[in-house]
């Protein structure tokens, strides 16, 4: 059991977090437009694993992102963006498929994206990727890479090795039916995978898509029964509820000024991971995750200029 008032014992490793998954282009409309009628779209760097890895580095940790992009101009744009952020891009595989893209309209409500996927589905299991995992303490992944073959096989191999080597395995169950192969039961596959996961962080919407409408207490119980060791259920402006099966704690939102919600969940993961590897207890790490998320919410963009973790701690009185 993961005790809230204990540290997660982690050996010294060269790297803290290996984030595996999508690296892609976000094409976002220049105008507010709910039906893709606008003529102008602008390209942005996208992909939650890279957001998390870059944030961990800014906070004072060490992180690697593993993904696949095309041998094209968009792929080079993504790789150059990582390098300019001071990240190691050597685990970004360049493959003979077009770089993946998501088309999104600027919206004041939840936008409906259109997915164009190619290269991200072709991340291969290589000796270099295996060494990256062995050199790391935490493996992070989401629904995106496990939703398609052949990258799913790569993630499954990494999970099995991480389990064998007692790595901390963390999963963002951000299920969206549109990213799965038509006719495949993605919900059933996700449920079958949870027993291999240590920490899972669903939102209320994620849980509803997986288990149907219910209370957050019942949703948390579902995740625990399926084998997760720690469930962090995010509740938007109402903070989060966290349970290890024995104890449940409530985290109040620390956000006082919300400018842009993009990347807030990635910021939470980043703060939590950095605190865990820096030797904070799980309870302290959860509070620091909330603080990093609140700090990000005050700024526009998925990745912002974060101060080191001790500064975050001081700003929010943690």
Protein backbone atom coordinates (compact mmCIF):
# COMPACT_ATOMS: atom_id res chain seq x y z
CA UNK A 1 0.00 0.00 0.00
CA UNK A 2 1.17 3.53 -0.73
CA UNK A 3 0.97 5.30 2.66
CA UNK A 4 0.17 9.01 2.46
CA UNK A 5 2.66 9.92 5.18
CA UNK A 6 5.57 7.89 3.85
CA UNK A 7 8.05 8.53 1.08
CA UNK A 8 8.19 6.25 -1.94
CA UNK A 9 11.59 4.60 -1.66
CA UNK A 10 13.39 5.08 -4.96
CA UNK A 11 17.01 4.18 -5.74
CA UNK A 12 19.39 6.71 -7.22
CA UNK A 13 18.97 6.74 -10.99
CA UNK A 14 20.34 8.86 -13.80
CA UNK A 15 16.80 9.87 -14.77
CA UNK A 16 13.63 10.47 -12.76
CA UNK A 17 10.72 10.21 -15.21
CA UNK A 18 10.37 8.44 -18.57
CA UNK A 19 7.23 9.79 -20.27
CA UNK A 20 6.10 7.61 -23.18
CA UNK A 21 3.52 8.60 -25.76
CA UNK A 22 2.49 11.15 -28.34
CA UNK A 23 4.45 14.03 -29.78
CA UNK A 24 2.29 15.88 -32.29
CA UNK A 25 1.18 19.11 -33.88
CA UNK A 26 -1.78 20.99 -32.41
CA UNK A 27 -3.42 23.01 -35.20
CA UNK A 28 -5.64 25.54 -33.43
CA UNK A 29 -8.04 27.95 -35.12
CA UNK A 30 -7.18 31.63 -34.97
CA UNK A 31 -10.80 32.55 -34.18
CA UNK A 32 -13.41 31.18 -31.83
CA UNK A 33 -15.23 28.70 -33.99
CA UNK A 34 -17.26 25.67 -32.98
CA UNK A 35 -17.71 24.14 -36.45
CA UNK A 36 -14.31 24.39 -38.21
CA UNK A 37 -15.60 27.15 -40.47
CA UNK A 38 -12.58 29.38 -39.93
CA UNK A 39 -9.86 29.61 -42.58
CA UNK A 40 -6.81 30.19 -40.39
CA UNK A 41 -5.16 27.65 -38.11
CA UNK A 42 -1.84 28.03 -36.32
CA UNK A 43 0.55 25.21 -35.44
CA UNK A 44 1.70 24.54 -31.88
CA UNK A 45 3.91 21.99 -30.18
CA UNK A 46 1.70 19.28 -28.65
CA UNK A 47 1.82 16.10 -26.61
CA UNK A 48 1.22 15.57 -22.89
CA UNK A 49 4.31 13.35 -22.29
CA UNK A 50 6.61 16.14 -23.51
CA UNK A 51 4.70 18.71 -21.43
CA UNK A 52 5.26 16.58 -18.33
CA UNK A 53 8.93 15.94 -19.11
CA UNK A 54 9.65 19.61 -19.75
CA UNK A 55 7.85 20.66 -16.57
CA UNK A 56 9.76 18.12 -14.44
CA UNK A 57 13.02 19.52 -15.79
CA UNK A 58 11.96 23.09 -15.04
CA UNK A 59 11.03 22.10 -11.48
CA UNK A 60 14.48 20.64 -10.87
CA UNK A 61 14.10 16.98 -11.84
CA UNK A 62 15.42 14.89 -14.72
CA UNK A 63 13.14 13.59 -17.44
CA UNK A 64 13.04 11.90 -20.84
CA UNK A 65 10.25 11.83 -23.41
CA UNK A 66 9.99 8.89 -25.83
CA UNK A 67 7.88 9.25 -28.95
CA UNK A 68 7.87 8.96 -32.75
CA UNK A 69 7.55 11.71 -35.36
CA UNK A 70 7.71 11.74 -39.14
CA UNK A 71 10.75 12.45 -41.26
CA UNK A 72 9.17 15.73 -42.34
CA UNK A 73 9.12 19.42 -41.53
CA UNK A 74 6.58 19.02 -38.75
CA UNK A 75 8.67 16.31 -37.12
CA UNK A 76 11.73 18.56 -37.26
CA UNK A 77 9.67 21.40 -35.75
CA UNK A 78 8.78 19.19 -32.77
CA UNK A 79 12.32 17.92 -32.26
CA UNK A 80 13.76 21.44 -32.49
CA UNK A 81 11.22 22.67 -29.95
CA UNK A 82 12.37 20.00 -27.49
CA UNK A 83 16.02 20.86 -28.04
CA UNK A 84 15.35 24.58 -27.60
CA UNK A 85 13.71 23.72 -24.27
CA UNK A 86 16.94 22.02 -23.20
CA UNK A 87 15.52 18.49 -23.48
CA UNK A 88 17.24 15.34 -24.71
CA UNK A 89 15.59 14.52 -28.05
CA UNK A 90 17.57 11.34 -28.69
CA UNK A 91 14.58 9.15 -27.73
CA UNK A 92 12.35 10.70 -30.39
CA UNK A 93 12.30 8.17 -33.22
CA UNK A 94 11.98 9.51 -36.77
CA UNK A 95 9.82 7.11 -38.79
CA UNK A 96 8.61 6.84 -42.38
CA UNK A 97 5.09 8.08 -41.63
CA UNK A 98 3.60 11.57 -41.49
CA UNK A 99 3.85 13.42 -38.17
CA UNK A 100 0.60 13.12 -36.21
CA UNK A 101 -1.69 16.12 -35.91
CA UNK A 102 -4.75 17.24 -33.97
CA UNK A 103 -7.06 19.90 -35.41
CA UNK A 104 -8.81 21.96 -32.73
CA UNK A 105 -11.06 25.00 -32.83
CA UNK A 106 -10.51 27.73 -30.29
CA UNK A 107 -13.50 27.47 -27.97
CA UNK A 108 -14.77 28.75 -24.63
CA UNK A 109 -16.32 25.33 -24.10
CA UNK A 110 -14.72 21.88 -24.36
CA UNK A 111 -13.52 21.70 -27.97
CA UNK A 112 -14.08 18.66 -30.17
CA UNK A 113 -10.76 17.73 -31.79
CA UNK A 114 -10.18 15.92 -35.07
CA UNK A 115 -7.30 13.42 -34.95
CA UNK A 116 -4.89 12.67 -37.79
CA UNK A 117 -2.57 9.91 -36.59
CA UNK A 118 0.40 8.30 -38.28
CA UNK A 119 3.92 8.54 -36.89
CA UNK A 120 3.06 8.44 -33.18
CA UNK A 121 1.66 4.92 -33.60
CA UNK A 122 5.07 3.59 -34.68
CA UNK A 123 7.26 4.02 -31.61
CA UNK A 124 9.41 0.87 -31.55
CA UNK A 125 10.82 -1.05 -28.60
CA UNK A 126 14.57 -0.62 -29.01
CA UNK A 127 17.65 -1.30 -26.87
CA UNK A 128 17.97 2.47 -26.41
CA UNK A 129 14.40 2.76 -25.13
CA UNK A 130 14.93 -0.18 -22.79
CA UNK A 131 18.07 1.47 -21.39
CA UNK A 132 16.11 4.70 -20.85
CA UNK A 133 13.57 2.81 -18.75
CA UNK A 134 16.29 1.02 -16.76
CA UNK A 135 17.91 4.41 -16.03
CA UNK A 136 14.60 5.88 -14.76
CA UNK A 137 12.54 5.55 -11.57
CA UNK A 138 9.10 6.42 -12.94
CA UNK A 139 7.32 5.37 -16.13
CA UNK A 140 4.41 7.56 -17.24
CA UNK A 141 1.95 6.79 -20.03
CA UNK A 142 -1.61 7.63 -21.05
CA UNK A 143 -4.37 6.20 -23.23
CA UNK A 144 -2.93 7.76 -26.37
CA UNK A 145 -0.09 5.25 -27.06
CA UNK A 146 -2.02 2.19 -25.93
CA UNK A 147 -4.97 2.99 -28.21
CA UNK A 148 -3.28 1.75 -31.40
CA UNK A 149 -0.88 -0.89 -32.67
CA UNK A 150 2.06 -1.29 -32.98
CA UNK A 151 3.00 1.29 -30.30
CA UNK A 152 0.75 -0.53 -27.82
CA UNK A 153 3.10 -3.51 -27.95
CA UNK A 154 6.02 -1.20 -27.14
CA UNK A 155 4.21 0.20 -24.10
CA UNK A 156 3.20 -3.28 -22.93
CA UNK A 157 6.84 -4.42 -23.05
CA UNK A 158 7.91 -1.34 -21.12
CA UNK A 159 5.23 -1.92 -18.49
CA UNK A 160 6.24 -5.56 -18.04
CA UNK A 161 9.90 -4.59 -17.63
CA UNK A 162 9.01 -1.71 -15.30
CA UNK A 163 6.96 -4.10 -13.18
CA UNK A 164 9.81 -6.61 -13.02
CA UNK A 165 12.32 -3.89 -12.08
CA UNK A 166 9.98 -2.36 -9.46
CA UNK A 167 9.66 0.98 -11.22
CA UNK A 168 6.79 3.29 -10.28
CA UNK A 169 4.19 2.90 -13.06
CA UNK A 170 1.77 5.81 -13.50
CA UNK A 171 -1.17 6.02 -15.89
CA UNK A 172 -3.35 8.87 -17.12
CA UNK A 173 -6.58 7.08 -18.22
CA UNK A 174 -7.70 9.89 -20.56
CA UNK A 175 -9.93 7.63 -22.64
CA UNK A 176 -11.39 9.17 -25.80
CA UNK A 177 -13.21 6.79 -28.16
CA UNK A 178 -12.09 8.71 -31.27
CA UNK A 179 -8.43 7.72 -30.87
CA UNK A 180 -9.17 3.97 -30.82
CA UNK A 181 -9.57 1.64 -33.79
CA UNK A 182 -13.23 1.37 -34.73
CA UNK A 183 -14.77 -1.82 -33.41
CA UNK A 184 -12.21 -2.26 -30.62
CA UNK A 185 -13.37 -2.22 -26.99
CA UNK A 186 -10.90 0.31 -25.62
CA UNK A 187 -12.69 0.49 -22.28
CA UNK A 188 -12.23 -3.24 -21.67
CA UNK A 189 -8.55 -3.05 -22.61
CA UNK A 190 -7.93 -0.13 -20.24
CA UNK A 191 -9.64 -1.95 -17.39
CA UNK A 192 -7.47 -5.02 -18.01
CA UNK A 193 -4.32 -2.89 -17.76
CA UNK A 194 -5.05 -1.13 -14.47
CA UNK A 195 -3.86 -4.06 -12.34
CA UNK A 196 -0.30 -3.37 -13.58
CA UNK A 197 -0.46 0.30 -12.55
CA UNK A 198 0.67 1.84 -9.26
CA UNK A 199 -0.82 5.33 -9.57
CA UNK A 200 -3.71 6.44 -11.75
CA UNK A 201 -5.11 9.99 -12.16
CA UNK A 202 -8.54 10.07 -13.82
CA UNK A 203 -10.72 13.12 -14.15
CA UNK A 204 -14.46 12.85 -13.48
CA UNK A 205 -15.03 12.77 -17.25
CA UNK A 206 -12.45 9.99 -17.70
CA UNK A 207 -14.11 7.90 -15.01
CA UNK A 208 -17.57 8.45 -16.48
CA UNK A 209 -16.42 7.33 -19.93
CA UNK A 210 -14.95 4.16 -18.40
CA UNK A 211 -17.62 3.26 -15.82
CA UNK A 212 -20.71 5.32 -16.64
CA UNK A 213 -22.38 8.00 -14.54
CA UNK A 214 -21.80 7.51 -10.81
CA UNK A 215 -20.45 9.23 -7.72
CA UNK A 216 -16.73 9.93 -7.54
CA UNK A 217 -16.57 7.66 -4.48
CA UNK A 218 -17.86 4.73 -6.53
CA UNK A 219 -15.58 5.60 -9.45
CA UNK A 220 -12.55 5.56 -7.14
CA UNK A 221 -13.67 2.20 -5.74
CA UNK A 222 -13.81 0.79 -9.29
CA UNK A 223 -10.20 1.80 -9.98
CA UNK A 224 -9.03 0.33 -6.67
CA UNK A 225 -10.85 -2.95 -7.27
CA UNK A 226 -9.16 -3.23 -10.66
CA UNK A 227 -5.77 -3.06 -8.93
CA UNK A 228 -4.55 0.56 -8.82
CA UNK A 229 -2.56 1.29 -5.64
CA UNK A 230 -3.33 5.01 -5.50
CA UNK A 231 -6.20 6.81 -7.24
CA UNK A 232 -6.10 10.59 -7.75
CA UNK A 233 -9.55 11.69 -8.91
CA UNK A 234 -9.42 15.28 -10.15
CA UNK A 235 -12.58 17.36 -9.70
CA UNK A 236 -11.79 20.56 -11.61
CA UNK A 237 -12.34 23.67 -9.51
CA UNK A 238 -13.22 21.44 -6.54
CA UNK A 239 -9.70 20.03 -6.32
CA UNK A 240 -9.19 16.30 -6.07
CA UNK A 241 -9.96 13.24 -3.96
CA UNK A 242 -7.20 10.69 -3.42
CA UNK A 243 -7.48 7.17 -2.04
CA UNK A 244 -5.09 4.28 -1.40
CA UNK A 245 -7.91 1.92 -0.44
CA UNK A 246 -7.41 2.47 3.28
CA UNK A 247 -7.47 6.24 3.59
CA UNK A 248 -9.11 8.93 1.49
CA UNK A 249 -7.99 12.56 1.49
CA UNK A 250 -9.44 15.66 -0.11
CA UNK A 251 -7.20 18.18 -1.88
CA UNK A 252 -8.58 21.68 -2.17
CA UNK A 253 -7.83 23.58 -5.34
CA UNK A 254 -5.08 26.15 -4.79
CA UNK A 255 -5.98 28.04 -7.96
CA UNK A 256 -6.96 31.65 -7.36
CA UNK A 257 -6.53 33.00 -10.87
CA UNK A 258 -7.43 30.89 -13.91
CA UNK A 259 -6.14 32.24 -17.23
CA UNK A 260 -5.80 29.01 -19.24
CA UNK A 261 -6.63 25.43 -18.21
CA UNK A 262 -4.51 23.85 -20.99
CA UNK A 263 -1.89 21.57 -19.48
CA UNK A 264 -3.11 21.88 -15.88
CA UNK A 265 -3.29 18.10 -15.47
CA UNK A 266 0.21 17.69 -16.92
CA UNK A 267 1.45 20.30 -14.45
CA UNK A 268 -0.06 18.33 -11.56
CA UNK A 269 1.73 15.15 -12.67
CA UNK A 270 4.98 17.11 -13.01
CA UNK A 271 4.81 18.60 -9.53
CA UNK A 272 3.84 15.28 -7.99
CA UNK A 273 6.63 13.37 -9.75
CA UNK A 274 9.31 15.93 -8.91
CA UNK A 275 8.27 15.96 -5.26
CA UNK A 276 8.28 12.15 -5.06
CA UNK A 277 11.81 11.85 -6.46
CA UNK A 278 12.99 14.70 -4.21
CA UNK A 279 11.96 12.66 -1.16
CA UNK A 280 8.67 14.22 -0.11
CA UNK A 281 5.90 12.06 1.36
CA UNK A 282 2.97 11.16 -0.88
CA UNK A 283 0.76 13.66 0.97
CA UNK A 284 3.32 16.43 0.45
CA UNK A 285 3.81 15.41 -3.19
CA UNK A 286 0.07 15.61 -3.81
CA UNK A 287 -0.05 19.11 -2.35
CA UNK A 288 2.93 20.17 -4.45
CA UNK A 289 1.25 18.72 -7.54
CA UNK A 290 -1.78 20.89 -6.79
CA UNK A 291 0.45 23.91 -6.28
CA UNK A 292 2.28 23.47 -9.60
CA UNK A 293 -1.08 23.07 -11.36
CA UNK A 294 -2.38 26.27 -9.71
CA UNK A 295 0.77 28.14 -10.76
CA UNK A 296 0.36 26.98 -14.37
CA UNK A 297 -3.32 28.03 -14.40
CA UNK A 298 -2.24 31.65 -13.92
CA UNK A 299 -0.40 31.57 -17.25
CA UNK A 300 -1.33 30.94 -20.88
CA UNK A 301 -0.05 27.84 -22.63
CA UNK A 302 0.46 24.16 -21.81
CA UNK A 303 4.07 24.65 -20.66
CA UNK A 304 5.03 27.81 -18.77
CA UNK A 305 8.17 29.09 -17.08
CA UNK A 306 7.94 27.24 -13.79
CA UNK A 307 10.26 28.07 -10.86
CA UNK A 308 12.07 25.30 -8.99
CA UNK A 309 10.02 23.22 -6.58
CA UNK A 310 11.24 24.97 -3.37
CA UNK A 311 9.97 28.27 -4.77
CA UNK A 312 6.57 26.73 -5.55
CA UNK A 313 6.49 25.40 -2.00
CA UNK A 314 7.20 28.84 -0.59
CA UNK A 315 4.68 30.62 -2.83
CA UNK A 316 1.83 28.34 -1.73
CA UNK A 317 2.92 27.90 1.90
CA UNK A 318 3.31 24.12 1.69
